[in-house]
C-alpha atoms as a PDB file:
ATOM      1  CA  UNK A   1       5.927 -33.468 -20.299  1.00  0.00           C
ATOM      2  CA  UNK A   2       5.910 -32.373 -16.656  1.00  0.00           C
ATOM      3  CA  UNK A   3       9.056 -30.284 -17.235  1.00  0.00           C
ATOM      4  CA  UNK A   4       7.270 -28.514 -20.086  1.00  0.00           C
ATOM      5  CA  UNK A   5       4.348 -27.703 -17.744  1.00  0.00           C
ATOM      6  CA  UNK A   6       6.757 -26.404 -15.083  1.00  0.00           C
ATOM      7  CA  UNK A   7       8.540 -24.280 -17.672  1.00  0.00           C
ATOM      8  CA  UNK A   8       5.193 -22.956 -18.928  1.00  0.00           C
ATOM      9  CA  UNK A   9       4.130 -22.089 -15.391  1.00  0.00           C
ATOM     10  CA  UNK A  10       7.403 -20.296 -14.691  1.00  0.00           C
ATOM     11  CA  UNK A  11       7.143 -18.452 -17.991  1.00  0.00           C
ATOM     12  CA  UNK A  12       3.582 -17.352 -17.178  1.00  0.00           C
ATOM     13  CA  UNK A  13       4.697 -16.141 -13.731  1.00  0.00           C
ATOM     14  CA  UNK A  14       7.580 -14.201 -15.294  1.00  0.00           C
ATOM     15  CA  UNK A  15       5.304 -12.588 -17.865  1.00  0.00           C
ATOM     16  CA  UNK A  16       2.819 -11.563 -15.152  1.00  0.00           C
ATOM     17  CA  UNK A  17       5.617  -9.977 -13.117  1.00  0.00           C
ATOM     18  CA  UNK A  18       6.945  -8.166 -16.172  1.00  0.00           C
ATOM     19  CA  UNK A  19       3.509  -6.723 -16.885  1.00  0.00           C
ATOM     20  CA  UNK A  20       3.679  -4.838 -13.579  1.00  0.00           C
ATOM     21  CA  UNK A  21       7.125  -3.337 -14.228  1.00  0.00           C
ATOM     22  CA  UNK A  22       5.679   0.033 -15.237  1.00  0.00           C
ATOM     23  CA  UNK A  23       2.956   0.181 -12.592  1.00  0.00           C
ATOM     24  CA  UNK A  24       5.059   1.990  -9.980  1.00  0.00           C
ATOM     25  CA  UNK A  25       7.411   4.786 -10.940  1.00  0.00           C
ATOM     26  CA  UNK A  26       9.951   6.472  -8.701  1.00  0.00           C
ATOM     27  CA  UNK A  27      11.377   9.806  -9.740  1.00  0.00           C
ATOM     28  CA  UNK A  28      13.728  12.432  -8.363  1.00  0.00           C
ATOM     29  CA  UNK A  29      15.173  10.347  -5.517  1.00  0.00           C
ATOM     30  CA  UNK A  30      17.807  12.395  -3.690  1.00  0.00           C
ATOM     31  CA  UNK A  31      19.499  12.986  -0.344  1.00  0.00           C
ATOM     32  CA  UNK A  32      21.835  15.671   0.942  1.00  0.00           C
ATOM     33  CA  UNK A  33      25.475  14.971   1.695  1.00  0.00           C
ATOM     34  CA  UNK A  34      26.009  14.543   5.429  1.00  0.00           C
ATOM     35  CA  UNK A  35      28.024  16.790   7.737  1.00  0.00           C
ATOM     36  CA  UNK A  36      30.899  15.312   9.775  1.00  0.00           C
ATOM     37  CA  UNK A  37      29.528  13.139  12.584  1.00  0.00           C
ATOM     38  CA  UNK A  38      25.994  13.038  11.151  1.00  0.00           C
ATOM     39  CA  UNK A  39      24.682   9.458  11.197  1.00  0.00           C
ATOM     40  CA  UNK A  40      21.201   9.992   9.704  1.00  0.00           C
ATOM     41  CA  UNK A  41      19.889  11.365   6.419  1.00  0.00           C
ATOM     42  CA  UNK A  42      16.549  12.101   4.826  1.00  0.00           C
ATOM     43  CA  UNK A  43      15.668  10.868   1.327  1.00  0.00           C
ATOM     44  CA  UNK A  44      13.097  12.644  -0.808  1.00  0.00           C
ATOM     45  CA  UNK A  45      11.437  11.132  -3.865  1.00  0.00           C
ATOM     46  CA  UNK A  46       8.231  11.035  -5.860  1.00  0.00           C
ATOM     47  CA  UNK A  47       6.156   7.867  -6.314  1.00  0.00           C
ATOM     48  CA  UNK A  48       3.379   7.313  -8.840  1.00  0.00           C
ATOM     49  CA  UNK A  49       1.349   4.110  -9.144  1.00  0.00           C
ATOM     50  CA  UNK A  50      -1.183   3.052 -11.765  1.00  0.00           C
ATOM     51  CA  UNK A  51      -3.065   1.153  -9.035  1.00  0.00           C
ATOM     52  CA  UNK A  52      -3.967   1.940  -5.427  1.00  0.00           C
ATOM     53  CA  UNK A  53      -0.847   1.063  -3.470  1.00  0.00           C
ATOM     54  CA  UNK A  54       0.844   1.599  -0.126  1.00  0.00           C
ATOM     55  CA  UNK A  55       4.511   2.096   0.621  1.00  0.00           C
ATOM     56  CA  UNK A  56       4.996  -0.246   3.578  1.00  0.00           C
ATOM     57  CA  UNK A  57       8.741  -0.321   4.103  1.00  0.00           C
ATOM     58  CA  UNK A  58      12.195   0.711   2.976  1.00  0.00           C
ATOM     59  CA  UNK A  59      15.719  -0.584   3.404  1.00  0.00           C
ATOM     60  CA  UNK A  60      19.209   0.366   2.292  1.00  0.00           C
ATOM     61  CA  UNK A  61      22.604  -1.277   2.683  1.00  0.00           C
ATOM     62  CA  UNK A  62      23.956   2.238   3.371  1.00  0.00           C
ATOM     63  CA  UNK A  63      22.282   2.369   6.804  1.00  0.00           C
ATOM     64  CA  UNK A  64      21.551   0.137   9.781  1.00  0.00           C
ATOM     65  CA  UNK A  65      17.855   1.014   9.563  1.00  0.00           C
ATOM     66  CA  UNK A  66      15.513   2.878   7.257  1.00  0.00           C
ATOM     67  CA  UNK A  67      11.987   4.070   8.001  1.00  0.00           C
ATOM     68  CA  UNK A  68       9.073   6.129   6.741  1.00  0.00           C
ATOM     69  CA  UNK A  69       8.529   9.368   8.677  1.00  0.00           C
ATOM     70  CA  UNK A  70       6.068  12.235   8.780  1.00  0.00           C
ATOM     71  CA  UNK A  71       6.693  15.827   9.826  1.00  0.00           C
ATOM     72  CA  UNK A  72       3.817  17.679  11.462  1.00  0.00           C
ATOM     73  CA  UNK A  73       3.444  20.896  13.387  1.00  0.00           C
ATOM     74  CA  UNK A  74       2.268  20.154  16.942  1.00  0.00           C
ATOM     75  CA  UNK A  75       1.978  22.847  19.599  1.00  0.00           C
ATOM     76  CA  UNK A  76       4.154  25.253  17.633  1.00  0.00           C
ATOM     77  CA  UNK A  77       6.939  22.683  17.178  1.00  0.00           C
ATOM     78  CA  UNK A  78       7.759  20.506  14.194  1.00  0.00           C
ATOM     79  CA  UNK A  79       7.622  16.826  15.204  1.00  0.00           C
ATOM     80  CA  UNK A  80       8.929  13.835  13.300  1.00  0.00           C
ATOM     81  CA  UNK A  81       7.193  10.488  13.751  1.00  0.00           C
ATOM     82  CA  UNK A  82       7.645   7.077  12.175  1.00  0.00           C
ATOM     83  CA  UNK A  83       4.677   5.848  10.133  1.00  0.00           C
ATOM     84  CA  UNK A  84       3.853   2.248   9.209  1.00  0.00           C
ATOM     85  CA  UNK A  85       2.755   2.957   5.635  1.00  0.00           C
ATOM     86  CA  UNK A  86       1.873   5.662   3.139  1.00  0.00           C
ATOM     87  CA  UNK A  87      -1.083   5.339   0.782  1.00  0.00           C
ATOM     88  CA  UNK A  88      -0.545   6.125  -2.895  1.00  0.00           C
ATOM     89  CA  UNK A  89      -3.762   6.890  -4.791  1.00  0.00           C
ATOM     90  CA  UNK A  90      -3.863   5.532  -8.349  1.00  0.00           C
ATOM     91  CA  UNK A  91      -2.502   7.973 -10.909  1.00  0.00           C
ATOM     92  CA  UNK A  92      -1.544  10.612  -8.321  1.00  0.00           C
ATOM     93  CA  UNK A  93       2.041  11.506  -7.474  1.00  0.00           C
ATOM     94  CA  UNK A  94       3.113  11.238  -3.842  1.00  0.00           C
ATOM     95  CA  UNK A  95       6.041  13.592  -3.289  1.00  0.00           C
ATOM     96  CA  UNK A  96       7.546  12.593   0.020  1.00  0.00           C
ATOM     97  CA  UNK A  97       9.186  15.966   0.657  1.00  0.00           C
ATOM     98  CA  UNK A  98       6.183  18.127  -0.237  1.00  0.00           C
ATOM     99  CA  UNK A  99       3.697  15.912   1.617  1.00  0.00           C
ATOM    100  CA  UNK A 100       5.521  16.184   4.935  1.00  0.00           C
ATOM    101  CA  UNK A 101       6.665  12.579   4.589  1.00  0.00           C
ATOM    102  CA  UNK A 102      10.169  11.327   3.853  1.00  0.00           C
ATOM    103  CA  UNK A 103      12.430   8.312   4.168  1.00  0.00           C
ATOM    104  CA  UNK A 104      14.990   8.328   6.981  1.00  0.00           C
ATOM    105  CA  UNK A 105      18.265   6.440   6.846  1.00  0.00           C
ATOM    106  CA  UNK A 106      19.601   5.970  10.379  1.00  0.00           C
ATOM    107  CA  UNK A 107      22.921   4.580  11.497  1.00  0.00           C
ATOM    108  CA  UNK A 108      24.693   5.474   8.246  1.00  0.00           C
ATOM    109  CA  UNK A 109      27.578   3.094   7.621  1.00  0.00           C
ATOM    110  CA  UNK A 110      29.567   5.839   5.857  1.00  0.00           C
ATOM    111  CA  UNK A 111      29.006   9.575   5.352  1.00  0.00           C
ATOM    112  CA  UNK A 112      26.992  10.491   2.264  1.00  0.00           C
ATOM    113  CA  UNK A 113      29.135  12.412  -0.203  1.00  0.00           C
ATOM    114  CA  UNK A 114      28.050  14.601  -3.083  1.00  0.00           C
ATOM    115  CA  UNK A 115      27.980  12.685  -6.374  1.00  0.00           C
ATOM    116  CA  UNK A 116      27.380   9.277  -4.802  1.00  0.00           C
ATOM    117  CA  UNK A 117      24.184   7.303  -5.092  1.00  0.00           C
ATOM    118  CA  UNK A 118      22.429   5.500  -2.246  1.00  0.00           C
ATOM    119  CA  UNK A 119      20.763   2.148  -3.050  1.00  0.00           C
ATOM    120  CA  UNK A 120      17.198   1.799  -1.769  1.00  0.00           C
ATOM    121  CA  UNK A 121      14.644  -1.015  -1.741  1.00  0.00           C
ATOM    122  CA  UNK A 122      11.052   0.152  -1.350  1.00  0.00           C
ATOM    123  CA  UNK A 123       8.350  -2.335  -0.381  1.00  0.00           C
ATOM    124  CA  UNK A 124       4.833  -1.794  -1.718  1.00  0.00           C
ATOM    125  CA  UNK A 125       1.487  -3.476  -1.208  1.00  0.00           C
ATOM    126  CA  UNK A 126      -0.357  -3.101  -4.528  1.00  0.00           C
ATOM    127  CA  UNK A 127      -4.048  -4.022  -4.381  1.00  0.00           C
ATOM    128  CA  UNK A 128      -4.731  -7.569  -5.512  1.00  0.00           C
ATOM    129  CA  UNK A 129      -1.216  -7.909  -6.953  1.00  0.00           C
ATOM    130  CA  UNK A 130       0.300  -8.327  -3.507  1.00  0.00           C
ATOM    131  CA  UNK A 131       3.740  -7.223  -2.372  1.00  0.00           C
ATOM    132  CA  UNK A 132       6.281  -5.648  -4.735  1.00  0.00           C
ATOM    133  CA  UNK A 133       9.883  -4.623  -4.129  1.00  0.00           C
ATOM    134  CA  UNK A 134      11.288  -1.712  -6.111  1.00  0.00           C
ATOM    135  CA  UNK A 135      15.029  -1.100  -6.193  1.00  0.00           C
ATOM    136  CA  UNK A 136      16.283   2.363  -7.027  1.00  0.00           C
ATOM    137  CA  UNK A 137      19.056   4.799  -6.135  1.00  0.00           C
ATOM    138  CA  UNK A 138      18.958   8.254  -4.592  1.00  0.00           C
ATOM    139  CA  UNK A 139      21.581  10.676  -5.824  1.00  0.00           C
ATOM    140  CA  UNK A 140      23.470  12.632  -3.179  1.00  0.00           C
ATOM    141  CA  UNK A 141      23.595  16.404  -3.644  1.00  0.00           C
ATOM    142  CA  UNK A 142      25.776  18.963  -1.839  1.00  0.00           C
ATOM    143  CA  UNK A 143      24.798  19.732   1.748  1.00  0.00           C
ATOM    144  CA  UNK A 144      24.121  23.392   0.872  1.00  0.00           C
ATOM    145  CA  UNK A 145      22.548  22.833  -2.572  1.00  0.00           C
ATOM    146  CA  UNK A 146      18.926  23.870  -3.124  1.00  0.00           C
ATOM    147  CA  UNK A 147      16.403  21.042  -3.322  1.00  0.00           C
ATOM    148  CA  UNK A 148      16.161  19.646  -6.865  1.00  0.00           C
ATOM    149  CA  UNK A 149      13.225  20.852  -8.922  1.00  0.00           C
ATOM    150  CA  UNK A 150      10.847  18.115 -10.113  1.00  0.00           C
ATOM    151  CA  UNK A 151      11.970  16.843 -13.502  1.00  0.00           C
ATOM    152  CA  UNK A 152      15.532  18.186 -13.328  1.00  0.00           C
ATOM    153  CA  UNK A 153      17.162  15.108 -11.853  1.00  0.00           C
ATOM    154  CA  UNK A 154      15.939  12.589 -14.419  1.00  0.00           C
ATOM    155  CA  UNK A 155      13.800   9.531 -14.026  1.00  0.00           C
ATOM    156  CA  UNK A 156      15.138   6.566 -12.100  1.00  0.00           C
ATOM    157  CA  UNK A 157      15.133   3.108 -13.649  1.00  0.00           C
ATOM    158  CA  UNK A 158      13.951   0.414 -11.284  1.00  0.00           C
ATOM    159  CA  UNK A 159      14.157  -3.323 -10.872  1.00  0.00           C
ATOM    160  CA  UNK A 160      10.873  -4.751  -9.632  1.00  0.00           C
ATOM    161  CA  UNK A 161      10.246  -8.117  -8.016  1.00  0.00           C
ATOM    162  CA  UNK A 162       6.890  -9.599  -7.096  1.00  0.00           C
ATOM    163  CA  UNK A 163       6.681 -11.285  -3.685  1.00  0.00           C
END
């Protein structure tokens, strides 16, 4: 009987996690191919959440470190700074390129080449639901290619895990 209760509890936990699978959507994740000797790359993407959320971290096996950054004009110069988190209002798209924010991959383990994809894990804090990890991939475009237009690169499918 106890095993049945444990199974029921695990099943309930699984069903709760599955219910959140569509709550955060990531679209149009991309990065430019890197030039010879370049060991860092920027990743642009669009995030939409059904609930108030915050992007609180990122990682990728393609780089030694990954971080959230902002770009702001200060004293006539563009400055890049690391930020701890980015708020995502419910139902509103956060486009990391257009907002002046982006993901940075630093210490690339190999150059990024056109046609590849870069695996990413994004960490979110979602209201009362707690922490969520979203796995996705950013496609790598040519170094000289224009930035993709929203909707032209297709939606990304994600694997989500509750933590």
